[in-house]
Amino acid sequence: MKQKTWMCTILCGIAALSLNAQDLERRERMEAGVKAGVNISNVWDSKGNEFSADPKTGLAAGVFVGIPIGKFIGIQPEILLSQKGFTGSGSLLSFPYTVSRTTTYLDVPLQLQLKPAEFITFLGGPQFSYLLNQKDKYTFDNNSTEQEQEFNNDNIRKNILGFVAGVDLLYQHFVLSGRVGWDFQTNAGDGSSLTPRYKNQWLQFTAGIKI
């Protein structure tokens, strides 16, 4: 009986060591994948024109690469097409207005990976964002008509530096990701724009697959 118990213990130990070795081997492999999901965005550090804002939902999709540095750390760059924005109201030259803004960015986060276990990775790092497109749908004063227009310039900053942090949950080839992000720089170029000054902040939820 004792021999069987010892044999069981030894086999369980060998199995545990084998699984742990496989776990570490997976975390040391370079991996790539695609993902898609949603942003829930708003603005912070807003200023000017008695401006207030509410959250807006947009799309987020792109590719990522995991580059191991060791068993427990790595680098994960990503390239994402990311919609942000807000719905808000304020006043311009004493006239009230409402606006729904959708901004489309090319986001490039460069994140440090911390990999305590095979199924979870913690990430954080700087993000470079480039403004591709901005559209506003608004009403002005007592005008009930709405119009949509695309701003090509209006002294808007197109290159923005920010920060992201979050977690990836992994199961085989599938990845569920959550991120929180915020801009360090405002949308206004040199401060002369008449549009409200603000910085983006967002929650991002995506599902992906490693290929």
N, C-alpha and C. Protein backbone atom coordinates (compact mmCIF):
# COMPACT_ATOMS: atom_id res chain seq x y z
N MET A 1 0.83 -1.21 0.00
CA MET A 1 0.00 0.00 0.00
C MET A 1 0.86 1.25 0.00
N LYS A 2 1.90 1.20 0.86
CA LYS A 2 2.80 2.35 0.94
C LYS A 2 3.53 2.57 -0.39
N GLN A 3 3.88 1.44 -1.02
CA GLN A 3 4.58 1.54 -2.32
C GLN A 3 3.68 2.20 -3.36
N LYS A 4 2.38 1.85 -3.35
CA LYS A 4 1.44 2.46 -4.30
C LYS A 4 1.32 3.96 -4.04
N THR A 5 1.25 4.32 -2.75
CA THR A 5 1.15 5.75 -2.38
C THR A 5 2.37 6.52 -2.87
N TRP A 6 3.56 5.94 -2.62
CA TRP A 6 4.78 6.59 -3.07
C TRP A 6 4.83 6.69 -4.59
N MET A 7 4.39 5.64 -5.26
CA MET A 7 4.39 5.65 -6.73
C MET A 7 3.46 6.73 -7.27
N CYS A 8 2.28 6.86 -6.63
CA CYS A 8 1.30 7.90 -7.03
C CYS A 8 1.89 9.29 -6.84
N THR A 9 2.55 9.49 -5.71
CA THR A 9 3.15 10.80 -5.40
C THR A 9 4.22 11.16 -6.42
N ILE A 10 5.07 10.17 -6.76
CA ILE A 10 6.15 10.40 -7.73
C ILE A 10 5.58 10.74 -9.11
N LEU A 11 4.53 9.98 -9.53
CA LEU A 11 3.92 10.23 -10.84
C LEU A 11 3.27 11.61 -10.90
N CYS A 12 2.58 11.99 -9.81
CA CYS A 12 1.96 13.33 -9.75
C CYS A 12 3.02 14.42 -9.82
N GLY A 13 4.15 14.19 -9.13
CA GLY A 13 5.23 15.17 -9.16
C GLY A 13 5.83 15.32 -10.54
N ILE A 14 6.03 14.18 -11.22
CA ILE A 14 6.57 14.22 -12.59
C ILE A 14 5.60 14.95 -13.53
N ALA A 15 4.29 14.66 -13.37
CA ALA A 15 3.28 15.32 -14.21
C ALA A 15 3.28 16.83 -13.97
N ALA A 16 3.37 17.23 -12.69
CA ALA A 16 3.37 18.66 -12.36
C ALA A 16 4.59 19.35 -12.94
N LEU A 17 5.76 18.71 -12.84
CA LEU A 17 6.99 19.28 -13.41
C LEU A 17 6.89 19.39 -14.92
N SER A 18 6.28 18.37 -15.56
CA SER A 18 6.11 18.39 -17.01
C SER A 18 5.21 19.53 -17.45
N LEU A 19 4.07 19.71 -16.73
CA LEU A 19 3.15 20.80 -17.07
C LEU A 19 3.80 22.15 -16.86
N ASN A 20 4.59 22.27 -15.76
CA ASN A 20 5.26 23.54 -15.48
C ASN A 20 6.28 23.85 -16.56
N ALA A 21 7.00 22.81 -17.02
CA ALA A 21 7.99 23.01 -18.09
C ALA A 21 7.31 23.45 -19.37
N GLN A 22 6.14 22.83 -19.70
CA GLN A 22 5.40 23.25 -20.89
C GLN A 22 4.91 24.67 -20.77
N ASP A 23 4.45 25.04 -19.55
CA ASP A 23 3.97 26.40 -19.28
C ASP A 23 5.08 27.41 -19.54
N LEU A 24 6.28 27.15 -18.98
CA LEU A 24 7.40 28.07 -19.17
C LEU A 24 7.83 28.13 -20.63
N GLU A 25 7.75 26.96 -21.30
CA GLU A 25 8.12 26.93 -22.73
C GLU A 25 7.18 27.81 -23.54
N ARG A 26 5.88 27.77 -23.25
CA ARG A 26 4.91 28.60 -23.98
C ARG A 26 5.20 30.08 -23.75
N ARG A 27 5.54 30.44 -22.53
CA ARG A 27 5.78 31.85 -22.21
C ARG A 27 7.08 32.37 -22.82
N GLU A 28 7.94 31.47 -23.28
CA GLU A 28 9.19 31.89 -23.91
C GLU A 28 9.09 31.92 -25.43
N ARG A 29 7.92 31.59 -25.98
CA ARG A 29 7.75 31.60 -27.44
C ARG A 29 7.28 32.97 -27.92
N MET A 30 7.76 33.38 -29.10
CA MET A 30 7.25 34.59 -29.75
C MET A 30 5.90 34.27 -30.38
N GLU A 31 4.90 35.15 -30.15
CA GLU A 31 3.55 34.90 -30.63
C GLU A 31 2.98 36.16 -31.28
N ALA A 32 2.06 35.97 -32.21
CA ALA A 32 1.38 37.08 -32.88
C ALA A 32 -0.10 36.75 -32.96
N GLY A 33 -0.93 37.80 -33.14
CA GLY A 33 -2.36 37.54 -33.23
C GLY A 33 -3.13 38.76 -33.71
N VAL A 34 -4.43 38.56 -33.83
CA VAL A 34 -5.36 39.63 -34.20
C VAL A 34 -6.42 39.74 -33.12
N LYS A 35 -7.01 40.94 -32.98
CA LYS A 35 -8.06 41.12 -31.98
C LYS A 35 -8.98 42.24 -32.40
N ALA A 36 -10.19 42.22 -31.83
CA ALA A 36 -11.19 43.25 -32.14
C ALA A 36 -12.13 43.39 -30.95
N GLY A 37 -12.71 44.59 -30.81
CA GLY A 37 -13.61 44.84 -29.70
C GLY A 37 -14.12 46.27 -29.69
N VAL A 38 -14.30 46.82 -28.49
CA VAL A 38 -14.89 48.15 -28.36
C VAL A 38 -14.05 49.04 -27.44
N ASN A 39 -14.13 50.34 -27.70
CA ASN A 39 -13.66 51.37 -26.78
C ASN A 39 -14.87 52.06 -26.14
N ILE A 40 -14.79 52.31 -24.86
CA ILE A 40 -15.74 53.19 -24.17
C ILE A 40 -14.94 54.40 -23.75
N SER A 41 -15.10 55.50 -24.47
CA SER A 41 -14.19 56.64 -24.31
C SER A 41 -14.91 57.88 -23.82
N ASN A 42 -14.11 58.76 -23.26
CA ASN A 42 -14.58 60.07 -22.84
C ASN A 42 -13.37 61.00 -22.86
N VAL A 43 -13.51 62.17 -22.29
CA VAL A 43 -12.40 63.11 -22.24
C VAL A 43 -12.14 63.49 -20.79
N TRP A 44 -10.91 63.87 -20.52
CA TRP A 44 -10.56 64.40 -19.20
C TRP A 44 -9.69 65.63 -19.40
N ASP A 45 -9.53 66.41 -18.35
CA ASP A 45 -8.77 67.65 -18.44
C ASP A 45 -9.33 68.55 -19.53
N SER A 46 -10.68 68.64 -19.60
CA SER A 46 -11.30 69.52 -20.59
C SER A 46 -11.27 70.96 -20.10
N LYS A 47 -11.23 71.88 -21.03
CA LYS A 47 -11.13 73.29 -20.66
C LYS A 47 -11.65 74.14 -21.81
N GLY A 48 -12.37 75.19 -21.46
CA GLY A 48 -12.81 76.15 -22.47
C GLY A 48 -14.24 75.96 -22.89
N ASN A 49 -14.91 77.05 -23.19
CA ASN A 49 -16.26 77.06 -23.73
C ASN A 49 -17.29 76.36 -22.83
N GLU A 50 -17.07 76.39 -21.51
CA GLU A 50 -17.99 75.78 -20.55
C GLU A 50 -18.40 74.39 -21.01
N PHE A 51 -17.42 73.57 -21.25
CA PHE A 51 -17.60 72.29 -21.94
C PHE A 51 -17.75 71.14 -20.95
N SER A 52 -18.74 70.25 -21.19
CA SER A 52 -18.89 69.01 -20.42
C SER A 52 -19.17 67.88 -21.39
N ALA A 53 -18.80 66.63 -21.01
CA ALA A 53 -18.88 65.50 -21.96
C ALA A 53 -19.37 64.24 -21.27
N ASP A 54 -19.95 63.34 -22.07
CA ASP A 54 -20.40 62.02 -21.66
C ASP A 54 -19.71 60.97 -22.52
N PRO A 55 -19.66 59.70 -22.05
CA PRO A 55 -18.94 58.65 -22.79
C PRO A 55 -19.56 58.32 -24.15
N LYS A 56 -18.72 57.73 -25.01
CA LYS A 56 -19.12 57.30 -26.34
C LYS A 56 -18.46 55.95 -26.63
N THR A 57 -19.18 55.08 -27.35
CA THR A 57 -18.66 53.75 -27.70
C THR A 57 -18.18 53.73 -29.14
N GLY A 58 -17.02 53.11 -29.37
CA GLY A 58 -16.47 52.98 -30.72
C GLY A 58 -15.80 51.63 -30.90
N LEU A 59 -15.30 51.38 -32.08
CA LEU A 59 -14.66 50.11 -32.42
C LEU A 59 -13.16 50.17 -32.20
N ALA A 60 -12.57 49.01 -31.94
CA ALA A 60 -11.11 48.87 -31.83
C ALA A 60 -10.72 47.53 -32.44
N ALA A 61 -9.71 47.51 -33.31
CA ALA A 61 -9.28 46.27 -33.95
C ALA A 61 -7.85 46.42 -34.43
N GLY A 62 -7.11 45.31 -34.42
CA GLY A 62 -5.75 45.38 -34.91
C GLY A 62 -4.97 44.09 -34.68
N VAL A 63 -3.64 44.23 -34.65
CA VAL A 63 -2.74 43.09 -34.52
C VAL A 63 -1.78 43.32 -33.35
N PHE A 64 -1.23 42.23 -32.83
CA PHE A 64 -0.27 42.33 -31.73
C PHE A 64 0.81 41.27 -31.90
N VAL A 65 1.97 41.53 -31.27
CA VAL A 65 3.09 40.58 -31.26
C VAL A 65 3.64 40.52 -29.85
N GLY A 66 3.82 39.31 -29.34
CA GLY A 66 4.45 39.11 -28.04
C GLY A 66 5.89 38.66 -28.22
N ILE A 67 6.84 39.46 -27.71
CA ILE A 67 8.26 39.17 -27.86
C ILE A 67 8.85 38.86 -26.49
N PRO A 68 9.17 37.61 -26.20
CA PRO A 68 9.68 37.27 -24.86
C PRO A 68 11.10 37.80 -24.63
N ILE A 69 11.33 38.26 -23.41
CA ILE A 69 12.68 38.64 -22.98
C ILE A 69 13.23 37.55 -22.05
N GLY A 70 12.36 36.89 -21.36
CA GLY A 70 12.71 35.78 -20.48
C GLY A 70 11.45 34.97 -20.21
N LYS A 71 11.49 34.18 -19.12
CA LYS A 71 10.34 33.35 -18.80
C LYS A 71 9.14 34.15 -18.33
N PHE A 72 9.38 35.28 -17.68
CA PHE A 72 8.29 35.99 -17.02
C PHE A 72 8.05 37.41 -17.52
N ILE A 73 8.87 37.89 -18.42
CA ILE A 73 8.68 39.25 -18.95
C ILE A 73 8.84 39.24 -20.47
N GLY A 74 8.29 40.26 -21.09
CA GLY A 74 8.39 40.39 -22.54
C GLY A 74 7.93 41.77 -22.98
N ILE A 75 7.89 41.98 -24.28
CA ILE A 75 7.43 43.22 -24.89
C ILE A 75 6.27 42.89 -25.83
N GLN A 76 5.21 43.68 -25.78
CA GLN A 76 4.07 43.45 -26.68
C GLN A 76 3.69 44.74 -27.41
N PRO A 77 4.21 44.96 -28.62
CA PRO A 77 3.74 46.07 -29.45
C PRO A 77 2.43 45.69 -30.14
N GLU A 78 1.60 46.69 -30.40
CA GLU A 78 0.33 46.48 -31.10
C GLU A 78 0.11 47.61 -32.11
N ILE A 79 -0.68 47.34 -33.13
CA ILE A 79 -1.13 48.36 -34.07
C ILE A 79 -2.65 48.24 -34.15
N LEU A 80 -3.35 49.30 -33.76
CA LEU A 80 -4.81 49.25 -33.66
C LEU A 80 -5.46 50.41 -34.38
N LEU A 81 -6.55 50.13 -35.05
CA LEU A 81 -7.45 51.17 -35.54
C LEU A 81 -8.48 51.38 -34.44
N SER A 82 -8.55 52.59 -33.90
CA SER A 82 -9.26 52.80 -32.64
C SER A 82 -10.14 54.04 -32.71
N GLN A 83 -11.45 53.84 -32.47
CA GLN A 83 -12.39 54.96 -32.44
C GLN A 83 -12.60 55.44 -31.01
N LYS A 84 -12.45 56.74 -30.84
CA LYS A 84 -12.70 57.37 -29.54
C LYS A 84 -13.68 58.52 -29.75
N GLY A 85 -13.91 59.29 -28.70
CA GLY A 85 -14.81 60.42 -28.86
C GLY A 85 -15.63 60.68 -27.61
N PHE A 86 -16.72 61.41 -27.78
CA PHE A 86 -17.58 61.78 -26.66
C PHE A 86 -18.87 62.36 -27.21
N THR A 87 -19.86 62.45 -26.36
CA THR A 87 -21.04 63.27 -26.62
C THR A 87 -21.04 64.36 -25.56
N GLY A 88 -21.29 65.58 -25.97
CA GLY A 88 -21.15 66.65 -25.00
C GLY A 88 -21.96 67.88 -25.35
N SER A 89 -21.83 68.87 -24.48
CA SER A 89 -22.52 70.14 -24.68
C SER A 89 -21.66 71.24 -24.09
N GLY A 90 -21.95 72.47 -24.51
CA GLY A 90 -21.21 73.62 -24.01
C GLY A 90 -21.74 74.89 -24.63
N SER A 91 -20.94 75.92 -24.59
CA SER A 91 -21.33 77.18 -25.21
C SER A 91 -20.15 77.76 -25.95
N LEU A 92 -20.45 78.37 -27.09
CA LEU A 92 -19.44 79.01 -27.93
C LEU A 92 -19.94 80.40 -28.28
N LEU A 93 -19.18 81.43 -27.87
CA LEU A 93 -19.60 82.82 -28.07
C LEU A 93 -21.00 83.05 -27.47
N SER A 94 -21.20 82.46 -26.30
CA SER A 94 -22.45 82.60 -25.53
C SER A 94 -23.64 81.84 -26.12
N PHE A 95 -23.43 81.07 -27.19
CA PHE A 95 -24.51 80.27 -27.79
C PHE A 95 -24.33 78.81 -27.38
N PRO A 96 -25.40 78.16 -26.91
CA PRO A 96 -25.28 76.75 -26.51
C PRO A 96 -25.17 75.83 -27.72
N TYR A 97 -24.47 74.69 -27.53
CA TYR A 97 -24.37 73.71 -28.59
C TYR A 97 -24.30 72.31 -27.98
N THR A 98 -24.64 71.29 -28.77
CA THR A 98 -24.39 69.89 -28.41
C THR A 98 -23.59 69.27 -29.54
N VAL A 99 -22.76 68.30 -29.20
CA VAL A 99 -21.87 67.71 -30.20
C VAL A 99 -21.67 66.23 -29.90
N SER A 100 -21.62 65.43 -30.96
CA SER A 100 -21.20 64.03 -30.86
C SER A 100 -19.95 63.88 -31.71
N ARG A 101 -18.83 63.65 -31.08
CA ARG A 101 -17.55 63.60 -31.80
C ARG A 101 -17.04 62.18 -31.88
N THR A 102 -16.62 61.77 -33.08
CA THR A 102 -15.98 60.48 -33.31
C THR A 102 -14.61 60.72 -33.91
N THR A 103 -13.58 60.28 -33.21
CA THR A 103 -12.21 60.42 -33.70
C THR A 103 -11.65 59.03 -33.97
N THR A 104 -11.03 58.85 -35.12
CA THR A 104 -10.42 57.57 -35.48
C THR A 104 -8.91 57.72 -35.44
N TYR A 105 -8.25 56.89 -34.62
CA TYR A 105 -6.81 56.96 -34.43
C TYR A 105 -6.14 55.67 -34.89
N LEU A 106 -4.89 55.80 -35.29
CA LEU A 106 -4.00 54.67 -35.41
C LEU A 106 -3.19 54.64 -34.11
N ASP A 107 -3.50 53.67 -33.24
CA ASP A 107 -2.83 53.56 -31.95
C ASP A 107 -1.70 52.54 -32.02
N VAL A 108 -0.54 52.90 -31.46
CA VAL A 108 0.61 52.00 -31.43
C VAL A 108 1.13 51.94 -29.98
N PRO A 109 0.57 51.04 -29.16
CA PRO A 109 1.09 50.88 -27.80
C PRO A 109 2.32 49.98 -27.78
N LEU A 110 3.28 50.30 -26.92
CA LEU A 110 4.46 49.48 -26.70
C LEU A 110 4.45 49.09 -25.23
N GLN A 111 4.04 47.86 -24.94
CA GLN A 111 3.74 47.45 -23.58
C GLN A 111 4.76 46.45 -23.04
N LEU A 112 5.07 46.58 -21.77
CA LEU A 112 5.86 45.59 -21.05
C LEU A 112 4.93 44.49 -20.57
N GLN A 113 5.30 43.23 -20.83
CA GLN A 113 4.53 42.08 -20.36
C GLN A 113 5.10 41.55 -19.05
N LEU A 114 4.23 41.26 -18.09
CA LEU A 114 4.58 40.50 -16.89
C LEU A 114 3.74 39.24 -16.91
N LYS A 115 4.40 38.05 -16.94
CA LYS A 115 3.70 36.79 -17.16
C LYS A 115 3.87 35.86 -15.96
N PRO A 116 3.08 36.06 -14.89
CA PRO A 116 3.23 35.21 -13.71
C PRO A 116 2.74 33.79 -13.93
N ALA A 117 1.82 33.59 -14.90
CA ALA A 117 1.29 32.26 -15.20
C ALA A 117 0.92 32.21 -16.68
N GLU A 118 0.69 30.99 -17.17
CA GLU A 118 0.40 30.82 -18.60
C GLU A 118 -0.89 31.51 -19.00
N PHE A 119 -1.88 31.54 -18.10
CA PHE A 119 -3.22 32.01 -18.48
C PHE A 119 -3.42 33.51 -18.28
N ILE A 120 -2.43 34.22 -17.73
CA ILE A 120 -2.63 35.65 -17.47
C ILE A 120 -1.35 36.43 -17.74
N THR A 121 -1.52 37.60 -18.35
CA THR A 121 -0.40 38.52 -18.60
C THR A 121 -0.82 39.93 -18.24
N PHE A 122 -0.02 40.60 -17.45
CA PHE A 122 -0.25 42.00 -17.13
C PHE A 122 0.61 42.86 -18.06
N LEU A 123 0.03 43.98 -18.53
CA LEU A 123 0.72 44.81 -19.52
C LEU A 123 0.60 46.30 -19.18
N GLY A 124 1.58 47.07 -19.61
CA GLY A 124 1.51 48.51 -19.46
C GLY A 124 2.66 49.18 -20.20
N GLY A 125 2.39 50.40 -20.70
CA GLY A 125 3.45 51.11 -21.40
C GLY A 125 2.93 52.31 -22.16
N PRO A 126 3.82 53.04 -22.82
CA PRO A 126 3.43 54.24 -23.57
C PRO A 126 2.69 53.88 -24.85
N GLN A 127 1.89 54.82 -25.33
CA GLN A 127 1.16 54.64 -26.59
C GLN A 127 1.28 55.89 -27.45
N PHE A 128 1.63 55.68 -28.71
CA PHE A 128 1.64 56.76 -29.70
C PHE A 128 0.36 56.66 -30.52
N SER A 129 -0.36 57.76 -30.67
CA SER A 129 -1.61 57.79 -31.43
C SER A 129 -1.53 58.84 -32.53
N TYR A 130 -2.02 58.47 -33.71
CA TYR A 130 -2.07 59.41 -34.83
C TYR A 130 -3.51 59.56 -35.28
N LEU A 131 -4.00 60.80 -35.31
CA LEU A 131 -5.38 61.09 -35.68
C LEU A 131 -5.57 60.94 -37.19
N LEU A 132 -6.41 59.98 -37.59
CA LEU A 132 -6.70 59.75 -38.99
C LEU A 132 -7.92 60.53 -39.47
N ASN A 133 -8.91 60.66 -38.60
CA ASN A 133 -10.19 61.22 -39.03
C ASN A 133 -10.95 61.74 -37.82
N GLN A 134 -11.65 62.84 -38.01
CA GLN A 134 -12.50 63.39 -36.94
C GLN A 134 -13.81 63.88 -37.53
N LYS A 135 -14.93 63.45 -36.95
CA LYS A 135 -16.24 63.88 -37.41
C LYS A 135 -17.07 64.36 -36.23
N ASP A 136 -17.78 65.47 -36.45
CA ASP A 136 -18.67 66.03 -35.45
C ASP A 136 -20.08 66.11 -35.99
N LYS A 137 -21.02 65.72 -35.17
CA LYS A 137 -22.42 65.91 -35.49
C LYS A 137 -22.98 66.78 -34.38
N TYR A 138 -23.54 67.97 -34.74
CA TYR A 138 -23.86 68.93 -33.68
C TYR A 138 -25.09 69.76 -34.00
N THR A 139 -25.60 70.37 -32.95
CA THR A 139 -26.63 71.39 -33.06
C THR A 139 -26.08 72.66 -32.42
N PHE A 140 -26.51 73.80 -32.93
CA PHE A 140 -25.97 75.08 -32.48
C PHE A 140 -27.09 76.06 -32.20
N ASP A 141 -27.01 76.65 -31.00
CA ASP A 141 -28.01 77.61 -30.55
C ASP A 141 -29.40 76.94 -30.57
N ASN A 142 -30.42 77.59 -31.12
CA ASN A 142 -31.76 77.03 -31.17
C ASN A 142 -32.04 76.26 -32.46
N ASN A 143 -31.03 76.08 -33.25
CA ASN A 143 -31.17 75.37 -34.51
C ASN A 143 -31.44 73.90 -34.23
N SER A 144 -32.54 73.38 -34.74
CA SER A 144 -32.87 71.98 -34.54
C SER A 144 -32.25 71.09 -35.61
N THR A 145 -31.70 71.69 -36.64
CA THR A 145 -31.07 70.89 -37.70
C THR A 145 -29.69 70.43 -37.25
N GLU A 146 -29.33 69.25 -37.71
CA GLU A 146 -28.02 68.71 -37.41
C GLU A 146 -27.23 68.57 -38.70
N GLN A 147 -25.97 68.78 -38.61
CA GLN A 147 -25.12 68.55 -39.77
C GLN A 147 -23.86 67.84 -39.34
N GLU A 148 -23.33 67.08 -40.24
CA GLU A 148 -22.12 66.32 -39.97
C GLU A 148 -21.02 66.85 -40.86
N GLN A 149 -19.88 67.09 -40.28
CA GLN A 149 -18.76 67.57 -41.08
C GLN A 149 -17.48 66.95 -40.59
N GLU A 150 -16.51 66.93 -41.47
CA GLU A 150 -15.22 66.35 -41.16
C GLU A 150 -14.20 67.48 -41.06
N PHE A 151 -13.47 67.51 -39.96
CA PHE A 151 -12.45 68.54 -39.76
C PHE A 151 -11.13 68.03 -40.31
N ASN A 152 -10.57 68.77 -41.22
CA ASN A 152 -9.26 68.40 -41.76
C ASN A 152 -8.13 69.01 -40.95
N ASN A 153 -8.42 70.13 -40.30
CA ASN A 153 -7.35 70.77 -39.55
C ASN A 153 -7.90 71.45 -38.31
N ASP A 154 -8.27 72.74 -38.42
CA ASP A 154 -8.73 73.53 -37.28
C ASP A 154 -7.72 73.50 -36.13
N ASN A 155 -6.45 73.44 -36.48
CA ASN A 155 -5.37 73.45 -35.51
C ASN A 155 -5.51 72.33 -34.48
N ILE A 156 -5.80 71.14 -34.93
CA ILE A 156 -5.93 69.97 -34.06
C ILE A 156 -4.62 69.18 -34.05
N ARG A 157 -4.17 68.79 -32.86
CA ARG A 157 -2.97 67.98 -32.78
C ARG A 157 -3.26 66.57 -33.29
N LYS A 158 -2.45 66.09 -34.20
CA LYS A 158 -2.66 64.76 -34.77
C LYS A 158 -1.77 63.69 -34.14
N ASN A 159 -0.63 64.09 -33.57
CA ASN A 159 0.28 63.15 -32.92
C ASN A 159 0.16 63.30 -31.41
N ILE A 160 -0.28 62.24 -30.74
CA ILE A 160 -0.56 62.32 -29.31
C ILE A 160 0.14 61.18 -28.57
N LEU A 161 0.77 61.50 -27.46
CA LEU A 161 1.42 60.50 -26.62
C LEU A 161 0.52 60.19 -25.42
N GLY A 162 0.37 58.92 -25.10
CA GLY A 162 -0.45 58.52 -23.97
C GLY A 162 0.13 57.31 -23.25
N PHE A 163 -0.72 56.64 -22.46
CA PHE A 163 -0.29 55.48 -21.68
C PHE A 163 -1.44 54.49 -21.60
N VAL A 164 -1.13 53.19 -21.66
CA VAL A 164 -2.14 52.14 -21.50
C VAL A 164 -1.66 51.12 -20.49
N ALA A 165 -2.61 50.47 -19.83
CA ALA A 165 -2.31 49.40 -18.89
C ALA A 165 -3.49 48.44 -18.87
N GLY A 166 -3.21 47.16 -18.61
CA GLY A 166 -4.33 46.22 -18.58
C GLY A 166 -3.87 44.80 -18.38
N VAL A 167 -4.73 43.86 -18.80
CA VAL A 167 -4.49 42.44 -18.58
C VAL A 167 -4.99 41.64 -19.78
N ASP A 168 -4.29 40.56 -20.10
CA ASP A 168 -4.72 39.57 -21.09
C ASP A 168 -4.99 38.25 -20.37
N LEU A 169 -6.16 37.66 -20.65
CA LEU A 169 -6.49 36.33 -20.15
C LEU A 169 -6.41 35.36 -21.33
N LEU A 170 -5.64 34.30 -21.17
CA LEU A 170 -5.35 33.42 -22.29
C LEU A 170 -5.87 32.01 -22.04
N TYR A 171 -6.47 31.44 -23.08
CA TYR A 171 -6.88 30.04 -23.06
C TYR A 171 -6.56 29.43 -24.42
N GLN A 172 -5.55 28.56 -24.43
CA GLN A 172 -5.06 27.99 -25.67
C GLN A 172 -4.71 29.11 -26.66
N HIS A 173 -5.43 29.23 -27.80
CA HIS A 173 -5.11 30.27 -28.78
C HIS A 173 -5.98 31.52 -28.63
N PHE A 174 -6.85 31.55 -27.63
CA PHE A 174 -7.78 32.67 -27.48
C PHE A 174 -7.31 33.65 -26.40
N VAL A 175 -7.59 34.94 -26.64
CA VAL A 175 -7.15 35.99 -25.72
C VAL A 175 -8.31 36.96 -25.46
N LEU A 176 -8.62 37.18 -24.20
CA LEU A 176 -9.55 38.24 -23.79
C LEU A 176 -8.73 39.34 -23.13
N SER A 177 -8.91 40.58 -23.61
CA SER A 177 -8.07 41.69 -23.15
C SER A 177 -8.90 42.83 -22.60
N GLY A 178 -8.37 43.47 -21.57
CA GLY A 178 -8.95 44.69 -21.03
C GLY A 178 -7.86 45.73 -20.86
N ARG A 179 -8.15 46.96 -21.25
CA ARG A 179 -7.16 48.03 -21.14
C ARG A 179 -7.82 49.31 -20.60
N VAL A 180 -7.05 50.10 -19.93
CA VAL A 180 -7.43 51.47 -19.61
C VAL A 180 -6.33 52.37 -20.18
N GLY A 181 -6.73 53.48 -20.80
CA GLY A 181 -5.74 54.36 -21.42
C GLY A 181 -6.12 55.82 -21.28
N TRP A 182 -5.11 56.67 -21.35
CA TRP A 182 -5.35 58.11 -21.30
C TRP A 182 -4.22 58.85 -22.00
N ASP A 183 -4.57 59.99 -22.57
CA ASP A 183 -3.59 60.83 -23.28
C ASP A 183 -2.85 61.72 -22.30
N PHE A 184 -1.58 61.96 -22.60
CA PHE A 184 -0.80 62.95 -21.86
C PHE A 184 -0.94 64.34 -22.48
N GLN A 185 -1.26 64.40 -23.79
CA GLN A 185 -1.32 65.67 -24.51
C GLN A 185 -2.76 65.99 -24.90
N THR A 186 -3.05 67.29 -25.02
CA THR A 186 -4.39 67.72 -25.41
C THR A 186 -4.56 67.65 -26.92
N ASN A 187 -5.82 67.78 -27.36
CA ASN A 187 -6.13 67.75 -28.79
C ASN A 187 -5.73 69.04 -29.50
N ALA A 188 -5.58 70.16 -28.76
CA ALA A 188 -5.30 71.46 -29.38
C ALA A 188 -3.83 71.55 -29.77
N GLY A 189 -3.57 72.05 -30.99
CA GLY A 189 -2.20 72.15 -31.49
C GLY A 189 -1.37 73.15 -30.71
N ASP A 190 -1.61 74.45 -30.92
CA ASP A 190 -0.84 75.47 -30.20
C ASP A 190 -1.73 76.29 -29.27
N GLY A 191 -2.96 75.81 -29.04
CA GLY A 191 -3.85 76.49 -28.11
C GLY A 191 -4.73 77.54 -28.74
N SER A 192 -4.66 77.74 -30.06
CA SER A 192 -5.45 78.79 -30.70
C SER A 192 -6.77 78.27 -31.27
N SER A 193 -7.02 76.94 -31.17
CA SER A 193 -8.24 76.38 -31.72
C SER A 193 -9.46 76.84 -30.93
N LEU A 194 -10.58 77.05 -31.62
CA LEU A 194 -11.82 77.43 -30.96
C LEU A 194 -12.58 76.23 -30.40
N THR A 195 -12.22 75.01 -30.83
CA THR A 195 -12.87 73.83 -30.30
C THR A 195 -12.40 73.58 -28.87
N PRO A 196 -13.23 72.91 -28.02
CA PRO A 196 -12.82 72.69 -26.64
C PRO A 196 -11.53 71.89 -26.54
N ARG A 197 -10.69 72.28 -25.58
CA ARG A 197 -9.44 71.57 -25.35
C ARG A 197 -9.72 70.39 -24.42
N TYR A 198 -9.14 69.22 -24.74
CA TYR A 198 -9.35 68.05 -23.89
C TYR A 198 -8.28 67.00 -24.15
N LYS A 199 -8.26 65.98 -23.29
CA LYS A 199 -7.44 64.78 -23.47
C LYS A 199 -8.37 63.56 -23.46
N ASN A 200 -8.07 62.58 -24.29
CA ASN A 200 -8.88 61.36 -24.35
C ASN A 200 -8.57 60.43 -23.18
N GLN A 201 -9.60 59.71 -22.73
CA GLN A 201 -9.42 58.58 -21.83
C GLN A 201 -10.40 57.49 -22.26
N TRP A 202 -10.06 56.21 -22.04
CA TRP A 202 -10.91 55.14 -22.58
C TRP A 202 -10.67 53.83 -21.85
N LEU A 203 -11.72 53.00 -21.88
CA LEU A 203 -11.65 51.59 -21.53
C LEU A 203 -11.76 50.81 -22.83
N GLN A 204 -10.98 49.74 -22.94
CA GLN A 204 -11.00 48.94 -24.16
C GLN A 204 -11.15 47.46 -23.80
N PHE A 205 -12.10 46.81 -24.47
CA PHE A 205 -12.33 45.38 -24.28
C PHE A 205 -12.28 44.68 -25.64
N THR A 206 -11.41 43.69 -25.78
CA THR A 206 -11.25 43.00 -27.05
C THR A 206 -11.16 41.49 -26.84
N ALA A 207 -11.48 40.76 -27.90
CA ALA A 207 -11.26 39.32 -27.97
C ALA A 207 -10.34 39.06 -29.15
N GLY A 208 -9.42 38.12 -28.99
CA GLY A 208 -8.47 37.88 -30.06
C GLY A 208 -8.08 36.42 -30.18
N ILE A 209 -7.28 36.16 -31.17
CA ILE A 209 -6.78 34.81 -31.41
C ILE A 209 -5.33 34.88 -31.84
N LYS A 210 -4.51 34.01 -31.31
CA LYS A 210 -3.11 33.92 -31.70
C LYS A 210 -2.98 33.05 -32.94
N ILE A 211 -2.19 33.53 -33.88
CA ILE A 211 -2.06 32.80 -35.14
C ILE A 211 -0.59 32.41 -35.38
